[in-house]
Amino acid sequence: MVIPSHVRRPLSEPRLSDIAFCAWISQAGPGECLEYHRGFLGIDVTPGISLLPETERPSLCDLAQMALRAFEAGLVHLVQVRLGPDRFAYLAIARRRSRSAEASLSRVLLPDPEAA
């Protein structure tokens, strides 16, 4: 799969935040695609082996968790495209929203405070 040019983010662009990811979900139409990370996510979020600065790793963890919650809520498909050895583009593809998903994004995506 080739990543369409309108999905690619320039390397100089700042890392996407979990808040920006939620904002994208709230406005994305079905089939719209967002590259939310480029690298090797499993390594990049792991302390001790990540090559990211320690100041950036926690925000990437938050973003990865938000993407997973959005997937579990049925809001996006999560796809990874292999770019080369140990390098992937991580994509979120907006799904058509069901009536139950029309609830506030904060209710759907934020962790349940009573579950903690």
Protein backbone atom coordinates (compact mmCIF):
# COMPACT_ATOMS: atom_id res chain seq x y z
CA MET A 1 0.00 0.00 0.00
CA VAL A 2 1.33 3.42 -0.89
CA ILE A 3 0.46 6.22 1.50
CA PRO A 4 -1.36 8.95 -0.41
CA SER A 5 0.54 12.25 -0.45
CA HIS A 6 -2.32 14.07 1.31
CA VAL A 7 -1.86 11.73 4.31
CA ARG A 8 1.89 12.13 4.71
CA ARG A 9 3.14 14.56 7.29
CA PRO A 10 6.40 16.44 6.78
CA LEU A 11 9.10 15.28 9.19
CA SER A 12 9.45 18.85 10.43
CA GLU A 13 5.81 18.90 11.54
CA PRO A 14 5.39 18.58 15.32
CA ARG A 15 4.31 15.24 16.75
CA LEU A 16 0.53 14.84 16.83
CA SER A 17 -1.03 15.08 20.30
CA ASP A 18 -3.85 12.95 21.67
CA ILE A 19 -6.00 16.12 21.81
CA ALA A 20 -5.33 16.88 18.13
CA PHE A 21 -6.15 13.25 17.31
CA CYS A 22 -9.54 13.61 19.04
CA ALA A 23 -10.18 16.86 17.20
CA TRP A 24 -9.45 15.11 13.90
CA ILE A 25 -11.86 12.28 14.76
CA SER A 26 -14.61 14.76 15.59
CA GLN A 27 -14.33 16.35 12.13
CA ALA A 28 -13.26 13.45 9.90
CA GLY A 29 -15.67 11.99 7.41
CA PRO A 30 -15.88 8.26 6.71
CA GLY A 31 -12.79 7.05 4.87
CA GLU A 32 -10.62 10.05 5.74
CA CYS A 33 -7.13 9.02 6.79
CA LEU A 34 -4.58 10.45 9.24
CA GLU A 35 -1.00 9.31 9.79
CA TYR A 36 -0.63 9.58 13.56
CA HIS A 37 2.88 8.12 13.94
CA ARG A 38 5.83 7.09 11.84
CA GLY A 39 8.44 4.71 13.29
CA PHE A 40 8.04 1.47 15.26
CA LEU A 41 5.32 2.20 17.81
CA GLY A 42 5.97 -0.81 20.06
CA ILE A 43 9.60 0.22 20.46
CA ASP A 44 9.02 3.97 20.48
CA VAL A 45 6.73 3.83 23.54
CA THR A 46 8.90 1.41 25.56
CA PRO A 47 11.16 2.93 28.23
CA GLY A 48 14.79 1.91 27.97
CA ILE A 49 14.69 0.91 24.30
CA SER A 50 12.92 3.87 22.72
CA LEU A 51 15.17 6.20 20.77
CA LEU A 52 12.78 9.10 21.38
CA PRO A 53 13.74 11.74 23.92
CA GLU A 54 12.20 10.86 27.27
CA THR A 55 10.26 14.14 27.13
CA GLU A 56 8.41 12.95 23.96
CA ARG A 57 7.72 9.31 24.87
CA PRO A 58 4.84 9.92 27.34
CA SER A 59 2.89 12.02 24.82
CA LEU A 60 3.33 9.28 22.21
CA CYS A 61 2.01 6.75 24.77
CA ASP A 62 -1.04 8.99 25.31
CA LEU A 63 -1.60 9.23 21.56
CA ALA A 64 -1.29 5.45 21.09
CA GLN A 65 -3.79 4.84 23.92
CA MET A 66 -6.21 7.35 22.41
CA ALA A 67 -5.95 5.65 19.01
CA LEU A 68 -6.68 2.29 20.65
CA ARG A 69 -9.70 3.69 22.53
CA ALA A 70 -11.02 5.23 19.30
CA PHE A 71 -10.65 1.84 17.60
CA GLU A 72 -12.39 0.04 20.47
CA ALA A 73 -15.22 2.60 20.30
CA GLY A 74 -15.67 1.82 16.60
CA LEU A 75 -14.67 5.31 15.45
CA VAL A 76 -11.59 4.39 13.39
CA HIS A 77 -9.80 1.53 11.70
CA LEU A 78 -6.12 1.32 12.66
CA VAL A 79 -3.72 0.33 9.89
CA GLN A 80 0.04 0.14 9.65
CA VAL A 81 1.98 0.33 6.41
CA ARG A 82 5.53 -1.00 6.28
CA LEU A 83 7.89 1.66 4.99
CA GLY A 84 11.12 -0.30 5.47
CA PRO A 85 12.94 -2.40 8.04
CA ASP A 86 11.54 -1.56 11.49
CA ARG A 87 9.71 1.49 10.12
CA PHE A 88 5.96 1.83 9.72
CA ALA A 89 3.36 4.50 9.05
CA TYR A 90 0.49 4.20 11.54
CA LEU A 91 -2.81 5.32 10.06
CA ALA A 92 -6.24 5.99 11.51
CA ILE A 93 -9.09 5.74 9.01
CA ALA A 94 -12.37 7.30 10.10
CA ARG A 95 -15.35 4.96 10.13
CA ARG A 96 -18.96 5.80 9.48
CA ARG A 97 -20.47 6.67 12.84
CA SER A 98 -23.34 4.69 14.20
CA ARG A 99 -26.06 6.44 16.15
CA SER A 100 -24.53 5.20 19.40
CA ALA A 101 -21.20 6.78 18.45
CA GLU A 102 -22.84 10.18 18.10
CA ALA A 103 -22.35 10.65 21.84
CA SER A 104 -19.80 13.17 22.98
CA LEU A 105 -16.24 12.18 22.09
CA SER A 106 -15.18 12.80 25.67
CA ARG A 107 -17.65 10.17 26.89
CA VAL A 108 -16.50 7.68 24.26
CA LEU A 109 -12.72 8.24 24.26
CA LEU A 110 -11.72 9.33 27.74
CA PRO A 111 -11.10 6.58 30.29
CA ASP A 112 -13.85 5.92 32.80
CA PRO A 113 -12.75 7.60 36.06
CA GLU A 114 -14.58 4.93 38.07
CA ALA A 115 -12.54 2.16 36.40
CA ALA A 116 -9.30 3.49 37.94
